[in-house]
Amino acid sequence: MDVKTLSLTTILILLLVLQNACTLSNKQAKTFTGNELIKYSKLLSIKESKDTFLITVSTVDNKLFEYPISKRDTQYYHKIASLSSVFSGFLCEIEAQNSIIAVDDISFLSNPNLLTRNPTSVSTGGVINAELLISLHPDLIIHSGYGEISSILQDKLKSLNIPLFLCNNYLEENPLGRAEWIKAFGILSGKKEEAFSLFNKIESEYNALKGKTYPHQPRVMIGILFGGIWDVPAAQSYTAQLVQDAGGDYIWKNNGEAGRIPLSLETVAQTALNADIWLHPGAYKTLANMQSVEPRYADFSAFKNRMVFNNNKQVNAKGGNAFWETAPVRPQVVLRDLIQIFHSDSMQNLVYYQKLE
C-alpha cells in the first residue's frame, strides 16, 4: 500500500497518537530537570518530574534522542512494531506482549505467549517491507539503529508522525545496564510499575550471585573461528563481565576494553590451549561437528576434557533461540548458569547452556 493512499482519518489518528506521547519542545527537553531513575546503563537516561518521564537515548557518537512521556496520559503505546526479538523479550517479561502487532521475523521468536498471537513479520533477509509496516498502523516502532530502518523509511514514518524509539541496549557492556532498559519498555507500554519491580528483583539476584567467592577460578576461553578470524570479547565487554562475575578466570581479561578483538587460531591457541572451559562455540551442538569443520579444535584441553558449552539449549523448531530473546533481560539467570558450569559437577539445572557431547 502506498503511503499516499492513506486516508485522512488514518493520518489524523496517527497525529493524535503522537500528541499522546506529549512531546516537549527541544528547548523544554534541554532544560528538563527531574530525578534520575537509571543506575547502571550508560546509553539510557530516564528522568522523572511531577508530570513527565523524559527518556533519553545516547549513541556511541554522542547523539541524543529524547522521548518525553506524560504521566497524565493513560494512552500509552499499544500497537508496537518490535524490530528485534530482544525488544519482544523485554515486552514479554512485563506481560506487554499484547501490544506487539509486528516483529522483524517471527522465526527468531521463542516465547509461546507471543507466538500464539502471531504478530506480522515485516522483514525479509533484514530488509523492512515499508508498505506492510505502515499498513499495520503502529503507534510506535522500536528499532536498534543497526541498518534496518533506511533513511527513506524514516522520512515516510516522520511524514506520518509515527514515532521511532531507538533501543541500542546491545552496546551496553554492564549486564545490569543492558537489563535496565526494561524500565524504558515499561514506561512506553504503560507497565512502569511492573518493569521497575522486575528490575529490582533482577538487580538483587544478580548482585547476590556476583558477591560469592570461590576457591578455584577455571580458565575460560570464548568463541570460534569464523571466516579465518576468531573474535574474542574484550576485557570489559558484556560477556567477559559475566564470566568474571561468575568466578571465572577470563583468558583475555587484560586485553582491550569494550567490543571484540579479532585473532587468528594460532594466536588463540598460544593463550587458550590449556583453558579449562570453552564457551560459545558458534552454532555447534556436538564436539564431532566442531572437529569435522576444524580438526585443530581437538588440540584444546577444554575440547579433550569435554568442557565445551554453548548457549543454544532453548532453540525451537524454526531456529529461534531463547538466549538471544530473553538473556539480555535475565542476566541473573545467565550468571547462575555460568556459576554452575564453573563450580559444579552437575549440569542438571542449566537454563540457556548445554554441554556439547
Protein backbone atom coordinates (compact mmCIF):
# COMPACT_ATOMS: atom_id res chain seq x y z
CA MET A 1 0.00 0.00 0.00
CA ASP A 2 1.43 3.37 -0.96
CA VAL A 3 1.69 5.98 1.77
CA LYS A 4 -0.18 8.48 -0.40
CA THR A 5 -3.29 6.29 -0.34
CA LEU A 6 -3.67 6.51 3.44
CA SER A 7 -6.96 8.12 4.40
CA LEU A 8 -7.17 11.48 6.09
CA THR A 9 -8.79 9.74 9.07
CA THR A 10 -5.79 7.43 9.45
CA ILE A 11 -3.38 10.33 9.36
CA LEU A 12 -5.43 12.20 11.97
CA ILE A 13 -5.38 9.14 14.22
CA LEU A 14 -1.61 8.93 13.91
CA LEU A 15 -1.32 12.62 14.75
CA LEU A 16 -3.40 12.05 17.89
CA VAL A 17 -1.14 9.17 18.87
CA LEU A 18 1.87 11.42 18.59
CA GLN A 19 0.14 14.03 20.72
CA ASN A 20 -0.48 11.40 23.38
CA ALA A 21 3.29 10.98 23.65
CA CYS A 22 3.28 14.55 24.99
CA THR A 23 6.45 15.57 23.19
CA LEU A 24 8.30 18.50 24.68
CA SER A 25 9.90 21.18 22.60
CA ASN A 26 13.67 20.98 22.12
CA LYS A 27 14.11 23.92 24.47
CA GLN A 28 11.99 22.26 27.15
CA ALA A 29 13.80 18.94 26.79
CA LYS A 30 17.22 20.53 27.21
CA THR A 31 16.13 22.29 30.42
CA PHE A 32 14.20 19.31 31.81
CA THR A 33 15.04 18.58 35.42
CA GLY A 34 14.00 15.58 37.44
CA ASN A 35 15.19 12.60 39.40
CA GLU A 36 17.41 10.15 37.50
CA LEU A 37 15.96 6.63 37.57
CA ILE A 38 18.87 4.83 35.87
CA LYS A 39 21.76 3.32 37.87
CA TYR A 40 23.79 1.12 35.51
CA SER A 41 23.08 1.92 31.86
CA LYS A 42 25.48 4.24 30.07
CA LEU A 43 23.34 4.93 26.99
CA LEU A 44 19.96 5.33 28.69
CA SER A 45 18.67 8.04 30.98
CA ILE A 46 15.20 8.29 32.49
CA LYS A 47 14.38 11.41 34.45
CA GLU A 48 11.13 11.82 36.34
CA SER A 49 9.42 15.08 37.18
CA LYS A 50 5.99 15.64 38.70
CA ASP A 51 4.20 15.29 35.37
CA THR A 52 6.63 13.69 32.93
CA PHE A 53 9.17 10.96 32.26
CA LEU A 54 11.96 12.02 29.94
CA ILE A 55 13.68 9.04 28.30
CA THR A 56 16.99 9.95 26.66
CA VAL A 57 18.96 7.54 24.49
CA SER A 58 22.62 8.24 23.65
CA THR A 59 24.57 6.87 20.73
CA VAL A 60 28.26 5.98 20.70
CA ASP A 61 28.92 9.18 18.75
CA ASN A 62 27.14 11.23 21.44
CA LYS A 63 23.90 11.94 19.60
CA LEU A 64 20.85 12.25 21.85
CA PHE A 65 17.28 11.11 21.21
CA GLU A 66 14.65 12.31 23.67
CA TYR A 67 11.24 10.77 24.34
CA PRO A 68 9.03 12.65 26.81
CA ILE A 69 6.07 10.67 28.20
CA SER A 70 3.37 12.48 30.17
CA LYS A 71 2.17 10.90 33.41
CA ARG A 72 -1.25 12.40 32.82
CA ASP A 73 -1.82 10.28 29.73
CA THR A 74 -3.50 6.90 30.05
CA GLN A 75 -2.96 6.21 26.35
CA TYR A 76 0.45 4.62 26.13
CA TYR A 77 1.73 2.72 23.11
CA HIS A 78 -0.50 -0.28 22.43
CA LYS A 79 0.39 -1.06 18.81
CA ILE A 80 4.13 -1.62 18.82
CA ALA A 81 6.31 -2.84 15.97
CA SER A 82 9.24 -4.62 17.63
CA LEU A 83 12.08 -4.92 15.13
CA SER A 84 14.21 -7.28 17.22
CA SER A 85 13.48 -10.44 19.19
CA VAL A 86 15.32 -8.76 22.09
CA PHE A 87 12.72 -5.99 22.25
CA SER A 88 9.93 -8.55 22.15
CA GLY A 89 11.66 -10.35 25.01
CA PHE A 90 11.64 -7.18 27.12
CA LEU A 91 7.95 -6.55 26.47
CA CYS A 92 7.01 -10.16 27.20
CA GLU A 93 8.83 -10.05 30.54
CA ILE A 94 6.37 -7.40 31.75
CA GLU A 95 3.42 -9.13 30.06
CA ALA A 96 3.06 -6.43 27.43
CA GLN A 97 3.09 -8.90 24.53
CA ASN A 98 -0.48 -7.95 23.61
CA SER A 99 0.88 -4.60 22.45
CA ILE A 100 3.17 -6.22 19.84
CA ILE A 101 1.50 -6.18 16.43
CA ALA A 102 4.61 -6.60 14.28
CA VAL A 103 8.07 -8.14 14.57
CA ASP A 104 11.05 -8.24 12.26
CA ASP A 105 10.95 -12.01 11.69
CA ILE A 106 8.72 -14.35 13.69
CA SER A 107 11.09 -17.27 13.11
CA PHE A 108 13.53 -15.64 15.56
CA LEU A 109 10.96 -15.73 18.38
CA SER A 110 10.61 -18.42 21.02
CA ASN A 111 8.11 -17.06 23.56
CA PRO A 112 4.94 -19.19 23.21
CA ASN A 113 2.69 -16.43 24.55
CA LEU A 114 3.83 -14.16 21.75
CA LEU A 115 3.88 -16.84 19.07
CA THR A 116 0.21 -17.66 19.71
CA ARG A 117 -0.62 -14.03 18.91
CA ASN A 118 1.11 -14.49 15.54
CA PRO A 119 2.40 -10.92 15.05
CA THR A 120 3.12 -9.90 11.49
CA SER A 121 6.67 -10.34 10.20
CA VAL A 122 7.74 -7.17 8.39
CA SER A 123 11.30 -8.10 7.46
CA THR A 124 12.81 -10.46 4.93
CA GLY A 125 16.55 -11.03 5.00
CA GLY A 126 16.97 -7.97 7.19
CA VAL A 127 15.10 -5.68 4.76
CA ILE A 128 11.97 -4.00 6.11
CA ASN A 129 8.80 -4.13 4.00
CA ALA A 130 7.94 -0.46 4.46
CA GLU A 131 4.46 -0.59 2.98
CA LEU A 132 3.48 -3.60 5.07
CA LEU A 133 4.83 -1.99 8.21
CA ILE A 134 2.95 1.25 7.63
CA SER A 135 -0.27 -0.55 6.70
CA LEU A 136 -0.37 -2.06 10.22
CA HIS A 137 -0.69 1.47 11.68
CA PRO A 138 1.78 1.05 14.57
CA ASP A 139 1.79 3.82 17.15
CA LEU A 140 5.45 3.11 17.98
CA ILE A 141 8.32 1.38 16.19
CA ILE A 142 11.25 0.13 18.28
CA HIS A 143 14.49 -0.34 16.35
CA SER A 144 18.17 -0.86 17.10
CA GLY A 145 19.65 1.75 14.78
CA TYR A 146 21.65 -1.00 13.13
CA GLY A 147 20.73 -0.53 9.49
CA GLU A 148 17.25 -1.99 9.46
CA ILE A 149 15.50 1.40 9.16
CA SER A 150 16.52 3.09 5.93
CA SER A 151 16.60 6.86 5.63
CA ILE A 152 13.77 6.65 3.08
CA LEU A 153 11.59 4.70 5.51
CA GLN A 154 12.47 7.12 8.30
CA ASP A 155 11.26 10.00 6.14
CA LYS A 156 7.97 8.18 5.44
CA LEU A 157 7.41 7.48 9.11
CA LYS A 158 8.24 11.06 10.02
CA SER A 159 5.74 12.37 7.48
CA LEU A 160 3.06 10.18 9.10
CA ASN A 161 4.12 11.12 12.63
CA ILE A 162 4.82 7.50 13.57
CA PRO A 163 7.48 7.73 16.30
CA LEU A 164 10.65 5.65 16.30
CA PHE A 165 12.24 4.56 19.58
CA LEU A 166 15.95 3.76 19.39
CA CYS A 167 16.99 0.86 21.63
CA ASN A 168 20.75 0.29 21.38
CA ASN A 169 21.00 -1.68 24.60
CA TYR A 170 23.19 -4.24 22.83
CA LEU A 171 26.02 -1.70 23.18
CA GLU A 172 25.81 -1.75 26.98
CA GLU A 173 28.78 -3.61 28.47
CA ASN A 174 27.38 -3.95 32.00
CA PRO A 175 24.92 -6.90 32.25
CA LEU A 176 22.70 -4.96 34.65
CA GLY A 177 22.98 -1.90 32.42
CA ARG A 178 21.68 -3.89 29.49
CA ALA A 179 18.80 -5.31 31.53
CA GLU A 180 17.92 -1.89 32.95
CA TRP A 181 16.37 -0.92 29.63
CA ILE A 182 13.31 -2.80 30.88
CA LYS A 183 12.46 0.47 32.65
CA ALA A 184 12.08 2.30 29.34
CA PHE A 185 9.95 -0.50 27.91
CA GLY A 186 7.74 -0.34 30.99
CA ILE A 187 7.14 3.39 30.68
CA LEU A 188 6.47 3.20 26.93
CA SER A 189 3.95 0.37 27.28
CA GLY A 190 2.19 1.62 30.40
CA LYS A 191 3.79 -1.09 32.56
CA LYS A 192 6.08 1.12 34.60
CA GLU A 193 5.41 -0.45 38.00
CA GLU A 194 5.86 -3.98 36.66
CA ALA A 195 9.11 -3.06 34.90
CA PHE A 196 10.72 -1.27 37.85
CA SER A 197 9.69 -4.02 40.27
CA LEU A 198 11.13 -6.65 37.94
CA PHE A 199 14.43 -4.83 37.60
CA ASN A 200 14.77 -4.51 41.36
CA LYS A 201 14.42 -8.31 41.56
CA ILE A 202 16.96 -8.82 38.74
CA GLU A 203 19.43 -6.45 40.41
CA SER A 204 19.10 -8.08 43.82
CA GLU A 205 19.55 -11.63 42.49
CA TYR A 206 22.45 -10.69 40.22
CA ASN A 207 24.41 -8.85 42.89
CA ALA A 208 23.86 -11.66 45.40
CA LEU A 209 25.32 -14.17 42.96
CA LYS A 210 28.11 -11.83 41.90
CA GLY A 211 29.15 -11.37 45.52
CA LYS A 212 30.07 -15.02 46.05
CA THR A 213 33.68 -16.16 46.20
CA TYR A 214 35.11 -19.49 45.02
CA PRO A 215 38.29 -21.39 45.93
CA HIS A 216 39.05 -22.12 42.29
CA GLN A 217 38.63 -19.96 39.19
CA PRO A 218 38.61 -22.02 35.99
CA ARG A 219 40.36 -20.52 32.98
CA VAL A 220 37.69 -19.65 30.39
CA MET A 221 38.03 -19.23 26.63
CA ILE A 222 35.28 -17.94 24.33
CA GLY A 223 34.37 -18.05 20.67
CA ILE A 224 35.06 -19.92 17.47
CA LEU A 225 36.92 -19.47 14.21
CA PHE A 226 34.73 -17.83 11.57
CA GLY A 227 35.98 -16.79 8.15
CA GLY A 228 39.56 -17.22 9.33
CA ILE A 229 39.05 -14.85 12.28
CA TRP A 230 38.47 -15.74 15.93
CA ASP A 231 36.68 -12.83 17.61
CA VAL A 232 37.03 -12.78 21.38
CA PRO A 233 35.22 -10.40 23.75
CA ALA A 234 37.42 -7.65 25.12
CA ALA A 235 38.19 -7.40 28.83
CA GLN A 236 35.33 -5.07 29.76
CA SER A 237 32.76 -6.48 27.34
CA TYR A 238 29.34 -7.80 28.34
CA THR A 239 30.30 -11.49 28.08
CA ALA A 240 33.66 -11.00 29.78
CA GLN A 241 32.00 -9.32 32.74
CA LEU A 242 29.52 -12.18 33.09
CA VAL A 243 32.39 -14.68 33.12
CA GLN A 244 34.31 -12.74 35.75
CA ASP A 245 31.19 -12.14 37.87
CA ALA A 246 30.60 -15.91 37.82
CA GLY A 247 34.04 -16.56 39.26
CA GLY A 248 35.78 -17.47 36.04
CA ASP A 249 39.31 -16.51 35.08
CA TYR A 250 38.75 -14.99 31.65
CA ILE A 251 41.81 -15.64 29.50
CA TRP A 252 41.64 -12.28 27.72
CA LYS A 253 40.83 -10.29 30.89
CA ASN A 254 43.75 -7.92 30.21
CA ASN A 255 43.12 -7.42 26.51
CA GLY A 256 41.37 -4.30 25.24
CA GLU A 257 38.35 -2.72 26.82
CA ALA A 258 34.95 -2.92 25.11
CA GLY A 259 33.89 -4.67 21.93
CA ARG A 260 35.69 -7.62 20.37
CA ILE A 261 39.26 -8.49 19.43
CA PRO A 262 39.96 -10.30 16.11
CA LEU A 263 42.58 -13.02 16.44
CA SER A 264 43.95 -15.91 14.42
CA LEU A 265 43.54 -19.52 15.53
CA GLU A 266 47.29 -19.70 16.14
CA THR A 267 47.19 -16.66 18.44
CA VAL A 268 44.22 -18.06 20.34
CA ALA A 269 46.00 -21.40 20.76
CA GLN A 270 49.06 -19.71 22.26
CA THR A 271 46.91 -18.31 25.05
CA ALA A 272 43.95 -20.67 25.41
CA LEU A 273 45.26 -24.13 24.56
CA ASN A 274 45.10 -25.17 28.23
CA ALA A 275 41.86 -23.39 29.12
CA ASP A 276 39.55 -25.35 31.42
CA ILE A 277 36.23 -24.29 29.88
CA TRP A 278 35.18 -23.26 26.38
CA LEU A 279 32.05 -21.14 25.89
CA HIS A 280 30.06 -20.05 22.82
CA PRO A 281 31.45 -22.24 20.02
CA GLY A 282 29.22 -20.78 17.30
CA ALA A 283 26.15 -22.80 16.41
CA TYR A 284 27.71 -26.18 17.11
CA LYS A 285 25.77 -28.76 19.12
CA THR A 286 28.33 -31.58 19.19
CA LEU A 287 32.09 -31.93 19.50
CA ALA A 288 32.13 -34.15 16.43
CA ASN A 289 30.65 -31.34 14.32
CA MET A 290 33.30 -28.95 15.57
CA GLN A 291 36.15 -31.33 14.84
CA SER A 292 34.86 -32.18 11.38
CA VAL A 293 34.99 -28.50 10.39
CA GLU A 294 38.31 -27.69 12.07
CA PRO A 295 40.40 -30.68 13.32
CA ARG A 296 42.68 -28.38 15.34
CA TYR A 297 39.86 -27.69 17.81
CA ALA A 298 40.59 -31.14 19.24
CA ASP A 299 44.01 -29.90 20.43
CA PHE A 300 42.45 -27.64 23.08
CA SER A 301 42.28 -29.05 26.61
CA ALA A 302 38.65 -27.95 27.06
CA PHE A 303 37.75 -29.96 23.97
CA LYS A 304 39.73 -33.02 25.10
CA ASN A 305 38.10 -32.89 28.54
CA ARG A 306 34.62 -32.32 27.07
CA MET A 307 34.17 -28.99 28.83
CA VAL A 308 32.66 -27.12 25.89
CA PHE A 309 29.35 -25.34 26.49
CA ASN A 310 27.03 -23.49 24.16
CA ASN A 311 24.10 -21.17 24.82
CA ASN A 312 21.70 -22.98 22.48
CA LYS A 313 19.80 -25.24 24.87
CA GLN A 314 16.50 -23.49 24.10
CA VAL A 315 16.20 -23.48 20.31
CA ASN A 316 12.79 -24.08 18.77
CA ALA A 317 11.93 -25.91 15.55
CA LYS A 318 12.32 -22.72 13.48
CA GLY A 319 15.70 -21.87 14.94
CA GLY A 320 14.57 -19.21 17.41
CA ASN A 321 17.00 -19.17 20.34
CA ALA A 322 15.59 -18.05 23.68
CA PHE A 323 19.07 -16.90 24.74
CA TRP A 324 19.08 -14.02 22.27
CA GLU A 325 15.47 -13.15 23.09
CA THR A 326 15.44 -13.22 26.89
CA ALA A 327 19.01 -13.40 28.25
CA PRO A 328 19.53 -9.60 27.98
CA VAL A 329 16.71 -9.07 30.46
CA ARG A 330 17.64 -12.11 32.59
CA PRO A 331 21.36 -11.64 33.32
CA GLN A 332 20.93 -13.26 36.74
CA VAL A 333 19.80 -16.48 35.02
CA VAL A 334 22.82 -16.40 32.69
CA LEU A 335 25.08 -15.77 35.68
CA ARG A 336 23.54 -18.69 37.55
CA ASP A 337 24.17 -20.95 34.55
CA LEU A 338 27.81 -19.89 34.35
CA ILE A 339 28.35 -20.39 38.09
CA GLN A 340 27.02 -23.91 37.77
CA ILE A 341 29.29 -24.61 34.78
CA PHE A 342 32.37 -23.18 36.51
CA HIS A 343 31.86 -24.50 40.02
CA SER A 344 29.62 -27.56 39.96
CA ASP A 345 29.82 -31.13 38.73
CA SER A 346 26.09 -31.18 37.97
CA MET A 347 24.62 -29.63 34.83
CA GLN A 348 21.01 -30.62 35.54
CA ASN A 349 19.59 -27.14 36.09
CA LEU A 350 21.12 -25.16 33.25
CA VAL A 351 18.60 -22.85 31.56
CA TYR A 352 20.40 -21.46 28.50
CA TYR A 353 23.56 -23.56 28.24
CA GLN A 354 24.21 -27.15 27.37
CA LYS A 355 27.33 -29.29 27.37
CA LEU A 356 28.43 -30.48 23.94
CA GLU A 357 28.64 -34.24 23.70
